[in-house]
Amino acid sequence: MLVHANILIDGLYRHKADGRYQAALRKYKRLDLLIIDELGLGFKRIPRNGLDDFYDVIRGRYEKGSIIITTNRTFEDWGGLLENQVMVSAIINCLIHHAEIIKINGNSYRINKRTEFIENDNKTSN
């Protein structure tokens, strides 16, 4: 399952209000693979009330299911993004214990595709 980080956190917050929080956590725990996309993209921070929920998902999957997290932030940046060093350490500890970390350098795939499109369009216009 692929879910944007902020949608995951907002959804869990809403499920607390409607009484379905534990059911949502069980759903995320049962998945073979959970892909959390764009954690900390740009300047958007995870709200304080969402950090506990994010931790619950990570902890619930620890050694039970695979997680892929895409982010443009280093682990060193996570403290400012998540605003709680103790919780950040616990989350990172769970994530990296059995992790394969892949760092990709270079331009954004979307930017590359857009540039390629413009260049091809210019060639056909001339």
PDB file of N, CA and C in Angstrom:
ATOM      1  N   MET A   1       0.853  -1.178   0.000  1.00  0.00           N
ATOM      2  CA  MET A   1       0.000   0.000   0.000  1.00  0.00           C
ATOM      3  C   MET A   1       0.897   1.239   0.000  1.00  0.00           C
ATOM      4  N   LEU A   2       0.575   2.186  -0.853  1.00  0.00           N
ATOM      5  CA  LEU A   2       1.272   3.461  -0.929  1.00  0.00           C
ATOM      6  C   LEU A   2       0.384   4.540  -0.327  1.00  0.00           C
ATOM      7  N   VAL A   3       0.948   5.313   0.604  1.00  0.00           N
ATOM      8  CA  VAL A   3       0.200   6.405   1.219  1.00  0.00           C
ATOM      9  C   VAL A   3       1.143   7.583   1.441  1.00  0.00           C
ATOM     10  N   HIS A   4       0.661   8.771   1.135  1.00  0.00           N
ATOM     11  CA  HIS A   4       1.424   9.987   1.405  1.00  0.00           C
ATOM     12  C   HIS A   4       1.496  10.154   2.928  1.00  0.00           C
ATOM     13  N   ALA A   5       2.651  10.565   3.439  1.00  0.00           N
ATOM     14  CA  ALA A   5       2.868  10.668   4.890  1.00  0.00           C
ATOM     15  C   ALA A   5       1.797  11.519   5.573  1.00  0.00           C
ATOM     16  N   ASN A   6       1.483  12.669   5.006  1.00  0.00           N
ATOM     17  CA  ASN A   6       0.511  13.532   5.658  1.00  0.00           C
ATOM     18  C   ASN A   6      -0.908  12.969   5.605  1.00  0.00           C
ATOM     19  N   ILE A   7      -1.235  12.243   4.557  1.00  0.00           N
ATOM     20  CA  ILE A   7      -2.544  11.602   4.482  1.00  0.00           C
ATOM     21  C   ILE A   7      -2.648  10.498   5.532  1.00  0.00           C
ATOM     22  N   LEU A   8      -1.573   9.732   5.703  1.00  0.00           N
ATOM     23  CA  LEU A   8      -1.533   8.697   6.742  1.00  0.00           C
ATOM     24  C   LEU A   8      -1.788   9.313   8.112  1.00  0.00           C
ATOM     25  N   ILE A   9      -1.054  10.365   8.422  1.00  0.00           N
ATOM     26  CA  ILE A   9      -1.154  10.975   9.749  1.00  0.00           C
ATOM     27  C   ILE A   9      -2.505  11.657   9.950  1.00  0.00           C
ATOM     28  N   ASP A  10      -2.981  12.376   8.942  1.00  0.00           N
ATOM     29  CA  ASP A  10      -4.303  13.013   9.046  1.00  0.00           C
ATOM     30  C   ASP A  10      -5.403  11.972   9.207  1.00  0.00           C
ATOM     31  N   GLY A  11      -5.282  10.879   8.462  1.00  0.00           N
ATOM     32  CA  GLY A  11      -6.284   9.814   8.556  1.00  0.00           C
ATOM     33  C   GLY A  11      -6.319   9.177   9.933  1.00  0.00           C
ATOM     34  N   LEU A  12      -5.160   8.922  10.504  1.00  0.00           N
ATOM     35  CA  LEU A  12      -5.119   8.336  11.847  1.00  0.00           C
ATOM     36  C   LEU A  12      -5.726   9.289  12.871  1.00  0.00           C
ATOM     37  N   TYR A  13      -5.473  10.567  12.711  1.00  0.00           N
ATOM     38  CA  TYR A  13      -6.053  11.562  13.617  1.00  0.00           C
ATOM     39  C   TYR A  13      -7.583  11.541  13.535  1.00  0.00           C
ATOM     40  N   ARG A  14      -8.114  11.479  12.319  1.00  0.00           N
ATOM     41  CA  ARG A  14      -9.578  11.406  12.140  1.00  0.00           C
ATOM     42  C   ARG A  14     -10.139  10.118  12.720  1.00  0.00           C
ATOM     43  N   HIS A  15      -9.385   9.015  12.583  1.00  0.00           N
ATOM     44  CA  HIS A  15      -9.868   7.736  13.119  1.00  0.00           C
ATOM     45  C   HIS A  15      -9.921   7.734  14.640  1.00  0.00           C
ATOM     46  N   LYS A  16      -9.104   8.546  15.286  1.00  0.00           N
ATOM     47  CA  LYS A  16      -9.221   8.683  16.738  1.00  0.00           C
ATOM     48  C   LYS A  16     -10.578   9.283  17.088  1.00  0.00           C
ATOM     49  N   ALA A  17     -11.003  10.241  16.297  1.00  0.00           N
ATOM     50  CA  ALA A  17     -12.277  10.916  16.556  1.00  0.00           C
ATOM     51  C   ALA A  17     -13.472  10.009  16.310  1.00  0.00           C
ATOM     52  N   ASP A  18     -13.388   9.129  15.313  1.00  0.00           N
ATOM     53  CA  ASP A  18     -14.545   8.280  14.999  1.00  0.00           C
ATOM     54  C   ASP A  18     -14.444   6.873  15.601  1.00  0.00           C
ATOM     55  N   GLY A  19     -13.447   6.648  16.447  1.00  0.00           N
ATOM     56  CA  GLY A  19     -13.342   5.371  17.151  1.00  0.00           C
ATOM     57  C   GLY A  19     -12.737   4.233  16.342  1.00  0.00           C
ATOM     58  N   ARG A  20     -12.141   4.534  15.185  1.00  0.00           N
ATOM     59  CA  ARG A  20     -11.591   3.468  14.346  1.00  0.00           C
ATOM     60  C   ARG A  20     -10.061   3.451  14.331  1.00  0.00           C
ATOM     61  N   TYR A  21      -9.440   4.089  15.304  1.00  0.00           N
ATOM     62  CA  TYR A  21      -7.981   4.204  15.340  1.00  0.00           C
ATOM     63  C   TYR A  21      -7.309   2.831  15.419  1.00  0.00           C
ATOM     64  N   GLN A  22      -7.728   2.002  16.334  1.00  0.00           N
ATOM     65  CA  GLN A  22      -7.107   0.678  16.488  1.00  0.00           C
ATOM     66  C   GLN A  22      -7.307  -0.180  15.242  1.00  0.00           C
ATOM     67  N   ALA A  23      -8.464  -0.079  14.609  1.00  0.00           N
ATOM     68  CA  ALA A  23      -8.708  -0.820  13.367  1.00  0.00           C
ATOM     69  C   ALA A  23      -7.766  -0.339  12.267  1.00  0.00           C
ATOM     70  N   ALA A  24      -7.532   0.974  12.195  1.00  0.00           N
ATOM     71  CA  ALA A  24      -6.611   1.517  11.186  1.00  0.00           C
ATOM     72  C   ALA A  24      -5.189   1.033  11.452  1.00  0.00           C
ATOM     73  N   LEU A  25      -4.771   1.020  12.706  1.00  0.00           N
ATOM     74  CA  LEU A  25      -3.437   0.515  13.033  1.00  0.00           C
ATOM     75  C   LEU A  25      -3.299  -0.955  12.654  1.00  0.00           C
ATOM     76  N   ARG A  26      -4.326  -1.746  12.915  1.00  0.00           N
ATOM     77  CA  ARG A  26      -4.282  -3.174  12.534  1.00  0.00           C
ATOM     78  C   ARG A  26      -4.161  -3.327  11.022  1.00  0.00           C
ATOM     79  N   LYS A  27      -4.860  -2.480  10.271  1.00  0.00           N
ATOM     80  CA  LYS A  27      -4.778  -2.529   8.806  1.00  0.00           C
ATOM     81  C   LYS A  27      -3.340  -2.273   8.350  1.00  0.00           C
ATOM     82  N   TYR A  28      -2.721  -1.238   8.888  1.00  0.00           N
ATOM     83  CA  TYR A  28      -1.345  -0.923   8.501  1.00  0.00           C
ATOM     84  C   TYR A  28      -0.366  -2.005   8.963  1.00  0.00           C
ATOM     85  N   LYS A  29      -0.649  -2.639  10.051  1.00  0.00           N
ATOM     86  CA  LYS A  29       0.232  -3.691  10.582  1.00  0.00           C
ATOM     87  C   LYS A  29       0.157  -4.956   9.725  1.00  0.00           C
ATOM     88  N   ARG A  30      -0.998  -5.267   9.165  1.00  0.00           N
ATOM     89  CA  ARG A  30      -1.204  -6.502   8.393  1.00  0.00           C
ATOM     90  C   ARG A  30      -0.599  -6.474   6.997  1.00  0.00           C
ATOM     91  N   LEU A  31      -0.358  -5.316   6.464  1.00  0.00           N
ATOM     92  CA  LEU A  31       0.143  -5.204   5.090  1.00  0.00           C
ATOM     93  C   LEU A  31       1.505  -5.873   4.937  1.00  0.00           C
ATOM     94  N   ASP A  32       1.736  -6.493   3.788  1.00  0.00           N
ATOM     95  CA  ASP A  32       3.063  -7.036   3.503  1.00  0.00           C
ATOM     96  C   ASP A  32       4.073  -5.912   3.324  1.00  0.00           C
ATOM     97  N   LEU A  33       3.646  -4.838   2.660  1.00  0.00           N
ATOM     98  CA  LEU A  33       4.524  -3.707   2.396  1.00  0.00           C
ATOM     99  C   LEU A  33       3.737  -2.409   2.547  1.00  0.00           C
ATOM    100  N   LEU A  34       4.285  -1.486   3.321  1.00  0.00           N
ATOM    101  CA  LEU A  34       3.713  -0.155   3.474  1.00  0.00           C
ATOM    102  C   LEU A  34       4.733   0.837   2.943  1.00  0.00           C
ATOM    103  N   ILE A  35       4.326   1.637   1.975  1.00  0.00           N
ATOM    104  CA  ILE A  35       5.186   2.681   1.418  1.00  0.00           C
ATOM    105  C   ILE A  35       4.635   4.016   1.891  1.00  0.00           C
ATOM    106  N   ILE A  36       5.440   4.727   2.666  1.00  0.00           N
ATOM    107  CA  ILE A  36       5.064   6.046   3.165  1.00  0.00           C
ATOM    108  C   ILE A  36       5.836   7.053   2.326  1.00  0.00           C
ATOM    109  N   ASP A  37       5.110   7.797   1.526  1.00  0.00           N
ATOM    110  CA  ASP A  37       5.716   8.677   0.532  1.00  0.00           C
ATOM    111  C   ASP A  37       5.834  10.104   1.052  1.00  0.00           C
ATOM    112  N   GLU A  38       6.942  10.725   0.710  1.00  0.00           N
ATOM    113  CA  GLU A  38       7.175  12.149   0.910  1.00  0.00           C
ATOM    114  C   GLU A  38       7.109  12.587   2.368  1.00  0.00           C
ATOM    115  N   LEU A  39       7.765  11.847   3.245  1.00  0.00           N
ATOM    116  CA  LEU A  39       7.870  12.266   4.635  1.00  0.00           C
ATOM    117  C   LEU A  39       8.725  13.524   4.713  1.00  0.00           C
ATOM    118  N   GLY A  40       8.144  14.584   5.218  1.00  0.00           N
ATOM    119  CA  GLY A  40       8.885  15.825   5.386  1.00  0.00           C
ATOM    120  C   GLY A  40       9.160  16.576   4.112  1.00  0.00           C
ATOM    121  N   LEU A  41       8.343  16.346   3.098  1.00  0.00           N
ATOM    122  CA  LEU A  41       8.557  17.035   1.824  1.00  0.00           C
ATOM    123  C   LEU A  41       8.475  18.542   2.029  1.00  0.00           C
ATOM    124  N   GLY A  42       9.457  19.227   1.486  1.00  0.00           N
ATOM    125  CA  GLY A  42       9.464  20.683   1.585  1.00  0.00           C
ATOM    126  C   GLY A  42       9.554  21.135   3.027  1.00  0.00           C
ATOM    127  N   PHE A  43       8.667  22.023   3.421  1.00  0.00           N
ATOM    128  CA  PHE A  43       8.718  22.594   4.762  1.00  0.00           C
ATOM    129  C   PHE A  43       7.577  22.095   5.641  1.00  0.00           C
ATOM    130  N   LYS A  44       6.788  21.164   5.169  1.00  0.00           N
ATOM    131  CA  LYS A  44       5.631  20.702   5.930  1.00  0.00           C
ATOM    132  C   LYS A  44       6.075  19.798   7.079  1.00  0.00           C
ATOM    133  N   ARG A  45       5.706  20.153   8.270  1.00  0.00           N
ATOM    134  CA  ARG A  45       6.064  19.379   9.455  1.00  0.00           C
ATOM    135  C   ARG A  45       4.920  18.461   9.841  1.00  0.00           C
ATOM    136  N   ILE A  46       5.280  17.407  10.520  1.00  0.00           N
ATOM    137  CA  ILE A  46       4.257  16.527  11.074  1.00  0.00           C
ATOM    138  C   ILE A  46       3.729  17.194  12.340  1.00  0.00           C
ATOM    139  N   PRO A  47       2.421  17.343  12.462  1.00  0.00           N
ATOM    140  CA  PRO A  47       1.884  17.988  13.665  1.00  0.00           C
ATOM    141  C   PRO A  47       2.223  17.172  14.913  1.00  0.00           C
ATOM    142  N   ARG A  48       2.354  17.849  16.030  1.00  0.00           N
ATOM    143  CA  ARG A  48       2.732  17.176  17.285  1.00  0.00           C
ATOM    144  C   ARG A  48       1.809  16.004  17.606  1.00  0.00           C
ATOM    145  N   ASN A  49       0.514  16.185  17.400  1.00  0.00           N
ATOM    146  CA  ASN A  49      -0.414  15.094  17.703  1.00  0.00           C
ATOM    147  C   ASN A  49      -0.260  13.930  16.734  1.00  0.00           C
ATOM    148  N   GLY A  50       0.357  14.173  15.570  1.00  0.00           N
ATOM    149  CA  GLY A  50       0.544  13.100  14.604  1.00  0.00           C
ATOM    150  C   GLY A  50       1.790  12.267  14.822  1.00  0.00           C
ATOM    151  N   LEU A  51       2.723  12.774  15.600  1.00  0.00           N
ATOM    152  CA  LEU A  51       3.971  12.062  15.823  1.00  0.00           C
ATOM    153  C   LEU A  51       3.740  10.753  16.561  1.00  0.00           C
ATOM    154  N   ASP A  52       2.902  10.769  17.570  1.00  0.00           N
ATOM    155  CA  ASP A  52       2.586   9.532  18.295  1.00  0.00           C
ATOM    156  C   ASP A  52       1.939   8.513  17.364  1.00  0.00           C
ATOM    157  N   ASP A  53       1.051   8.990  16.496  1.00  0.00           N
ATOM    158  CA  ASP A  53       0.379   8.093  15.549  1.00  0.00           C
ATOM    159  C   ASP A  53       1.379   7.495  14.566  1.00  0.00           C
ATOM    160  N   PHE A  54       2.283   8.326  14.060  1.00  0.00           N
ATOM    161  CA  PHE A  54       3.314   7.849  13.146  1.00  0.00           C
ATOM    162  C   PHE A  54       4.175   6.788  13.834  1.00  0.00           C
ATOM    163  N   TYR A  55       4.551   7.041  15.071  1.00  0.00           N
ATOM    164  CA  TYR A  55       5.334   6.072  15.840  1.00  0.00           C
ATOM    165  C   TYR A  55       4.560   4.768  16.010  1.00  0.00           C
ATOM    166  N   ASP A  56       3.264   4.854  16.297  1.00  0.00           N
ATOM    167  CA  ASP A  56       2.455   3.637  16.465  1.00  0.00           C
ATOM    168  C   ASP A  56       2.482   2.769  15.212  1.00  0.00           C
ATOM    169  N   VAL A  57       2.438   3.396  14.041  1.00  0.00           N
ATOM    170  CA  VAL A  57       2.491   2.640  12.782  1.00  0.00           C
ATOM    171  C   VAL A  57       3.859   1.974  12.634  1.00  0.00           C
ATOM    172  N   ILE A  58       4.921   2.745  12.840  1.00  0.00           N
ATOM    173  CA  ILE A  58       6.280   2.203  12.688  1.00  0.00           C
ATOM    174  C   ILE A  58       6.525   1.088  13.695  1.00  0.00           C
ATOM    175  N   ARG A  59       6.190   1.334  14.947  1.00  0.00           N
ATOM    176  CA  ARG A  59       6.392   0.329  15.998  1.00  0.00           C
ATOM    177  C   ARG A  59       5.541  -0.916  15.736  1.00  0.00           C
ATOM    178  N   GLY A  60       4.318  -0.720  15.261  1.00  0.00           N
ATOM    179  CA  GLY A  60       3.424  -1.852  14.994  1.00  0.00           C
ATOM    180  C   GLY A  60       3.925  -2.749  13.870  1.00  0.00           C
ATOM    181  N   ARG A  61       4.695  -2.186  12.953  1.00  0.00           N
ATOM    182  CA  ARG A  61       5.230  -2.965  11.830  1.00  0.00           C
ATOM    183  C   ARG A  61       6.633  -3.502  12.110  1.00  0.00           C
ATOM    184  N   TYR A  62       7.261  -3.030  13.175  1.00  0.00           N
ATOM    185  CA  TYR A  62       8.639  -3.403  13.476  1.00  0.00           C
ATOM    186  C   TYR A  62       8.791  -4.919  13.529  1.00  0.00           C
ATOM    187  N   GLU A  63       9.652  -5.444  12.687  1.00  0.00           N
ATOM    188  CA  GLU A  63       9.956  -6.868  12.547  1.00  0.00           C
ATOM    189  C   GLU A  63       8.741  -7.705  12.141  1.00  0.00           C
ATOM    190  N   LYS A  64       7.693  -7.045  11.635  1.00  0.00           N
ATOM    191  CA  LYS A  64       6.494  -7.768  11.194  1.00  0.00           C
ATOM    192  C   LYS A  64       6.174  -7.533   9.733  1.00  0.00           C
ATOM    193  N   GLY A  65       6.606  -6.402   9.184  1.00  0.00           N
ATOM    194  CA  GLY A  65       6.301  -6.084   7.798  1.00  0.00           C
ATOM    195  C   GLY A  65       7.261  -5.042   7.261  1.00  0.00           C
ATOM    196  N   SER A  66       7.414  -5.038   5.969  1.00  0.00           N
ATOM    197  CA  SER A  66       8.355  -4.129   5.323  1.00  0.00           C
ATOM    198  C   SER A  66       7.781  -2.730   5.186  1.00  0.00           C
ATOM    199  N   ILE A  67       8.674  -1.760   5.296  1.00  0.00           N
ATOM    200  CA  ILE A  67       8.313  -0.354   5.147  1.00  0.00           C
ATOM    201  C   ILE A  67       9.317   0.286   4.193  1.00  0.00           C
ATOM    202  N   ILE A  68       8.793   1.070   3.275  1.00  0.00           N
ATOM    203  CA  ILE A  68       9.619   1.943   2.453  1.00  0.00           C
ATOM    204  C   ILE A  68       9.178   3.357   2.778  1.00  0.00           C
ATOM    205  N   ILE A  69      10.134   4.222   3.070  1.00  0.00           N
ATOM    206  CA  ILE A  69       9.825   5.628   3.314  1.00  0.00           C
ATOM    207  C   ILE A  69      10.609   6.451   2.304  1.00  0.00           C
ATOM    208  N   THR A  70       9.906   7.302   1.578  1.00  0.00           N
ATOM    209  CA  THR A  70      10.594   8.235   0.692  1.00  0.00           C
ATOM    210  C   THR A  70      10.615   9.589   1.390  1.00  0.00           C
ATOM    211  N   THR A  71      11.750  10.244   1.303  1.00  0.00           N
ATOM    212  CA  THR A  71      11.907  11.547   1.939  1.00  0.00           C
ATOM    213  C   THR A  71      13.031  12.301   1.265  1.00  0.00           C
ATOM    214  N   ASN A  72      12.957  13.609   1.338  1.00  0.00           N
ATOM    215  CA  ASN A  72      14.060  14.425   0.843  1.00  0.00           C
ATOM    216  C   ASN A  72      14.878  14.958   2.010  1.00  0.00           C
ATOM    217  N   ARG A  73      14.717  14.364   3.171  1.00  0.00           N
ATOM    218  CA  ARG A  73      15.393  14.788   4.395  1.00  0.00           C
ATOM    219  C   ARG A  73      16.335  13.707   4.899  1.00  0.00           C
ATOM    220  N   THR A  74      17.445  14.136   5.501  1.00  0.00           N
ATOM    221  CA  THR A  74      18.351  13.187   6.143  1.00  0.00           C
ATOM    222  C   THR A  74      17.813  12.868   7.538  1.00  0.00           C
ATOM    223  N   PHE A  75      18.318  11.802   8.126  1.00  0.00           N
ATOM    224  CA  PHE A  75      17.910  11.484   9.494  1.00  0.00           C
ATOM    225  C   PHE A  75      18.230  12.639  10.444  1.00  0.00           C
ATOM    226  N   GLU A  76      19.316  13.344  10.187  1.00  0.00           N
ATOM    227  CA  GLU A  76      19.685  14.482  11.032  1.00  0.00           C
ATOM    228  C   GLU A  76      18.613  15.569  10.997  1.00  0.00           C
ATOM    229  N   ASP A  77      17.901  15.689   9.885  1.00  0.00           N
ATOM    230  CA  ASP A  77      16.833  16.688   9.753  1.00  0.00           C
ATOM    231  C   ASP A  77      15.548  16.285  10.465  1.00  0.00           C
ATOM    232  N   TRP A  78      15.395  15.007  10.766  1.00  0.00           N
ATOM    233  CA  TRP A  78      14.136  14.530  11.315  1.00  0.00           C
ATOM    234  C   TRP A  78      13.806  15.140  12.667  1.00  0.00           C
ATOM    235  N   GLY A  79      14.816  15.493  13.464  1.00  0.00           N
ATOM    236  CA  GLY A  79      14.551  16.103  14.764  1.00  0.00           C
ATOM    237  C   GLY A  79      13.760  17.389  14.635  1.00  0.00           C
ATOM    238  N   GLY A  80      14.140  18.247  13.692  1.00  0.00           N
ATOM    239  CA  GLY A  80      13.407  19.485  13.462  1.00  0.00           C
ATOM    240  C   GLY A  80      12.060  19.258  12.813  1.00  0.00           C
ATOM    241  N   LEU A  81      11.991  18.248  11.973  1.00  0.00           N
ATOM    242  CA  LEU A  81      10.754  17.927  11.273  1.00  0.00           C
ATOM    243  C   LEU A  81       9.709  17.348  12.225  1.00  0.00           C
ATOM    244  N   LEU A  82      10.155  16.495  13.124  1.00  0.00           N
ATOM    245  CA  LEU A  82       9.238  15.787  14.005  1.00  0.00           C
ATOM    246  C   LEU A  82       9.164  16.385  15.409  1.00  0.00           C
ATOM    247  N   GLU A  83      10.081  17.284  15.742  1.00  0.00           N
ATOM    248  CA  GLU A  83      10.050  18.095  16.959  1.00  0.00           C
ATOM    249  C   GLU A  83      10.064  17.325  18.273  1.00  0.00           C
ATOM    250  N   ASN A  84      10.585  16.114  18.291  1.00  0.00           N
ATOM    251  CA  ASN A  84      10.697  15.370  19.541  1.00  0.00           C
ATOM    252  C   ASN A  84      11.854  14.385  19.380  1.00  0.00           C
ATOM    253  N   GLN A  85      13.005  14.755  19.900  1.00  0.00           N
ATOM    254  CA  GLN A  85      14.216  13.958  19.686  1.00  0.00           C
ATOM    255  C   GLN A  85      14.091  12.534  20.204  1.00  0.00           C
ATOM    256  N   VAL A  86      13.434  12.336  21.330  1.00  0.00           N
ATOM    257  CA  VAL A  86      13.288  10.992  21.897  1.00  0.00           C
ATOM    258  C   VAL A  86      12.455  10.117  20.962  1.00  0.00           C
ATOM    259  N   MET A  87      11.350  10.665  20.483  1.00  0.00           N
ATOM    260  CA  MET A  87      10.484   9.918  19.568  1.00  0.00           C
ATOM    261  C   MET A  87      11.192   9.686  18.237  1.00  0.00           C
ATOM    262  N   VAL A  88      11.917  10.687  17.755  1.00  0.00           N
ATOM    263  CA  VAL A  88      12.664  10.546  16.505  1.00  0.00           C
ATOM    264  C   VAL A  88      13.671   9.417  16.628  1.00  0.00           C
ATOM    265  N   SER A  89      14.395   9.371  17.735  1.00  0.00           N
ATOM    266  CA  SER A  89      15.377   8.302  17.952  1.00  0.00           C
ATOM    267  C   SER A  89      14.709   6.930  17.952  1.00  0.00           C
ATOM    268  N   ALA A  90      13.557   6.836  18.584  1.00  0.00           N
ATOM    269  CA  ALA A  90      12.839   5.554  18.632  1.00  0.00           C
ATOM    270  C   ALA A  90      12.368   5.136  17.241  1.00  0.00           C
ATOM    271  N   ILE A  91      11.853   6.082  16.459  1.00  0.00           N
ATOM    272  CA  ILE A  91      11.382   5.786  15.107  1.00  0.00           C
ATOM    273  C   ILE A  91      12.550   5.346  14.225  1.00  0.00           C
ATOM    274  N   ILE A  92      13.625   6.128  14.244  1.00  0.00           N
ATOM    275  CA  ILE A  92      14.788   5.788  13.424  1.00  0.00           C
ATOM    276  C   ILE A  92      15.366   4.446  13.841  1.00  0.00           C
ATOM    277  N   ASN A  93      15.424   4.177  15.131  1.00  0.00           N
ATOM    278  CA  ASN A  93      15.934   2.905  15.636  1.00  0.00           C
ATOM    279  C   ASN A  93      15.139   1.731  15.071  1.00  0.00           C
ATOM    280  N   CYS A  94      13.826   1.840  15.078  1.00  0.00           N
ATOM    281  CA  CYS A  94      12.974   0.770  14.512  1.00  0.00           C
ATOM    282  C   CYS A  94      13.205   0.627  13.008  1.00  0.00           C
ATOM    283  N   LEU A  95      13.313   1.758  12.333  1.00  0.00           N
ATOM    284  CA  LEU A  95      13.437   1.722  10.877  1.00  0.00           C
ATOM    285  C   LEU A  95      14.769   1.158  10.405  1.00  0.00           C
ATOM    286  N   ILE A  96      15.855   1.507  11.051  1.00  0.00           N
ATOM    287  CA  ILE A  96      17.163   1.133  10.509  1.00  0.00           C
ATOM    288  C   ILE A  96      17.690  -0.197  11.019  1.00  0.00           C
ATOM    289  N   HIS A  97      17.022  -0.805  11.991  1.00  0.00           N
ATOM    290  CA  HIS A  97      17.524  -2.057  12.563  1.00  0.00           C
ATOM    291  C   HIS A  97      17.791  -3.119  11.503  1.00  0.00           C
ATOM    292  N   HIS A  98      16.875  -3.332  10.603  1.00  0.00           N
ATOM    293  CA  HIS A  98      17.035  -4.325   9.530  1.00  0.00           C
ATOM    294  C   HIS A  98      16.978  -3.655   8.159  1.00  0.00           C
ATOM    295  N   ALA A  99      17.386  -2.405   8.084  1.00  0.00           N
ATOM    296  CA  ALA A  99      17.131  -1.592   6.891  1.00  0.00           C
ATOM    297  C   ALA A  99      18.188  -1.734   5.808  1.00  0.00           C
ATOM    298  N   GLU A 100      17.735  -1.456   4.622  1.00  0.00           N
ATOM    299  CA  GLU A 100      18.586  -1.204   3.470  1.00  0.00           C
ATOM    300  C   GLU A 100      18.295   0.254   3.115  1.00  0.00           C
ATOM    301  N   ILE A 101      19.250   1.138   3.316  1.00  0.00           N
ATOM    302  CA  ILE A 101      19.053   2.559   3.056  1.00  0.00           C
ATOM    303  C   ILE A 101      19.628   2.874   1.684  1.00  0.00           C
ATOM    304  N   ILE A 102      18.803   3.448   0.862  1.00  0.00           N
ATOM    305  CA  ILE A 102      19.212   3.797  -0.498  1.00  0.00           C
ATOM    306  C   ILE A 102      19.117   5.308  -0.637  1.00  0.00           C
ATOM    307  N   LYS A 103      20.256   5.927  -0.875  1.00  0.00           N
ATOM    308  CA  LYS A 103      20.294   7.370  -1.066  1.00  0.00           C
ATOM    309  C   LYS A 103      20.426   7.646  -2.556  1.00  0.00           C
ATOM    310  N   ILE A 104      19.514   8.431  -3.059  1.00  0.00           N
ATOM    311  CA  ILE A 104      19.514   8.762  -4.479  1.00  0.00           C
ATOM    312  C   ILE A 104      19.887  10.229  -4.619  1.00  0.00           C
ATOM    313  N   ASN A 105      20.940  10.480  -5.359  1.00  0.00           N
ATOM    314  CA  ASN A 105      21.371  11.855  -5.620  1.00  0.00           C
ATOM    315  C   ASN A 105      20.949  12.249  -7.027  1.00  0.00           C
ATOM    316  N   GLY A 106      20.766  13.524  -7.225  1.00  0.00           N
ATOM    317  CA  GLY A 106      20.437  14.002  -8.560  1.00  0.00           C
ATOM    318  C   GLY A 106      19.141  14.769  -8.572  1.00  0.00           C
ATOM    319  N   ASN A 107      18.759  15.136  -9.772  1.00  0.00           N
ATOM    320  CA  ASN A 107      17.531  15.897  -9.952  1.00  0.00           C
ATOM    321  C   ASN A 107      16.301  15.024  -9.744  1.00  0.00           C
ATOM    322  N   SER A 108      15.221  15.671  -9.454  1.00  0.00           N
ATOM    323  CA  SER A 108      13.943  15.008  -9.289  1.00  0.00           C
ATOM    324  C   SER A 108      13.521  14.322 -10.587  1.00  0.00           C
ATOM    325  N   TYR A 109      12.951  13.148 -10.473  1.00  0.00           N
ATOM    326  CA  TYR A 109      12.426  12.426 -11.631  1.00  0.00           C
ATOM    327  C   TYR A 109      11.392  13.272 -12.358  1.00  0.00           C
ATOM    328  N   ARG A 110      10.524  13.923 -11.599  1.00  0.00           N
ATOM    329  CA  ARG A 110       9.476  14.751 -12.208  1.00  0.00           C
ATOM    330  C   ARG A 110      10.076  15.925 -12.975  1.00  0.00           C
ATOM    331  N   ILE A 111      11.080  16.550 -12.387  1.00  0.00           N
ATOM    332  CA  ILE A 111      11.729  17.675 -13.074  1.00  0.00           C
ATOM    333  C   ILE A 111      12.427  17.179 -14.336  1.00  0.00           C
ATOM    334  N   ASN A 112      13.113  16.051 -14.253  1.00  0.00           N
ATOM    335  CA  ASN A 112      13.779  15.494 -15.432  1.00  0.00           C
ATOM    336  C   ASN A 112      12.781  15.197 -16.546  1.00  0.00           C
ATOM    337  N   LYS A 113      11.642  14.609 -16.204  1.00  0.00           N
ATOM    338  CA  LYS A 113      10.629  14.293 -17.210  1.00  0.00           C
ATOM    339  C   LYS A 113      10.060  15.563 -17.829  1.00  0.00           C
ATOM    340  N   ARG A 114       9.826  16.581 -17.025  1.00  0.00           N
ATOM    341  CA  ARG A 114       9.288  17.842 -17.534  1.00  0.00           C
ATOM    342  C   ARG A 114      10.303  18.512 -18.467  1.00  0.00           C
ATOM    343  N   THR A 115      11.561  18.520 -18.069  1.00  0.00           N
ATOM    344  CA  THR A 115      12.619  19.100 -18.904  1.00  0.00           C
ATOM    345  C   THR A 115      12.723  18.345 -20.218  1.00  0.00           C
ATOM    346  N   GLU A 116      12.662  17.037 -20.148  1.00  0.00           N
ATOM    347  CA  GLU A 116      12.727  16.196 -21.351  1.00  0.00           C
ATOM    348  C   GLU A 116      11.553  16.513 -22.280  1.00  0.00           C
ATOM    349  N   PHE A 117      10.364  16.670 -21.712  1.00  0.00           N
ATOM    350  CA  PHE A 117       9.178  16.994 -22.487  1.00  0.00           C
ATOM    351  C   PHE A 117       9.340  18.343 -23.194  1.00  0.00           C
ATOM    352  N   ILE A 118       9.821  19.345 -22.463  1.00  0.00           N
ATOM    353  CA  ILE A 118      10.006  20.683 -23.046  1.00  0.00           C
ATOM    354  C   ILE A 118      11.047  20.638 -24.163  1.00  0.00           C
ATOM    355  N   GLU A 119      12.147  19.949 -23.925  1.00  0.00           N
ATOM    356  CA  GLU A 119      13.191  19.855 -24.943  1.00  0.00           C
ATOM    357  C   GLU A 119      12.660  19.171 -26.201  1.00  0.00           C
ATOM    358  N   ASN A 120      11.901  18.095 -26.047  1.00  0.00           N
ATOM    359  CA  ASN A 120      11.335  17.393 -27.205  1.00  0.00           C
ATOM    360  C   ASN A 120      10.310  18.259 -27.923  1.00  0.00           C
ATOM    361  N   ASP A 121       9.517  19.019 -27.153  1.00  0.00           N
ATOM    362  CA  ASP A 121       8.523  19.905 -27.741  1.00  0.00           C
ATOM    363  C   ASP A 121       9.201  21.024 -28.543  1.00  0.00           C
ATOM    364  N   ASN A 122      10.311  21.551 -28.016  1.00  0.00           N
ATOM    365  CA  ASN A 122      11.047  22.598 -28.715  1.00  0.00           C
ATOM    366  C   ASN A 122      11.648  22.064 -30.018  1.00  0.00           C
ATOM    367  N   LYS A 123      12.117  20.825 -30.012  1.00  0.00           N
ATOM    368  CA  LYS A 123      12.710  20.241 -31.204  1.00  0.00           C
ATOM    369  C   LYS A 123      11.663  20.079 -32.314  1.00  0.00           C
ATOM    370  N   THR A 124      10.453  19.672 -31.949  1.00  0.00           N
ATOM    371  CA  THR A 124       9.413  19.463 -32.949  1.00  0.00           C
ATOM    372  C   THR A 124       8.826  20.788 -33.424  1.00  0.00           C
ATOM    373  N   SER A 125       8.934  21.842 -32.612  1.00  0.00           N
ATOM    374  CA  SER A 125       8.420  23.162 -32.998  1.00  0.00           C
ATOM    375  C   SER A 125       9.328  23.869 -33.965  1.00  0.00           C
ATOM    376  N   ASN A 126      10.620  23.518 -33.962  1.00  0.00           N
ATOM    377  CA  ASN A 126      11.600  24.199 -34.843  1.00  0.00           C
ATOM    378  C   ASN A 126      11.682  23.588 -36.171  1.00  0.00           C
TER     379      ASN A 126
END
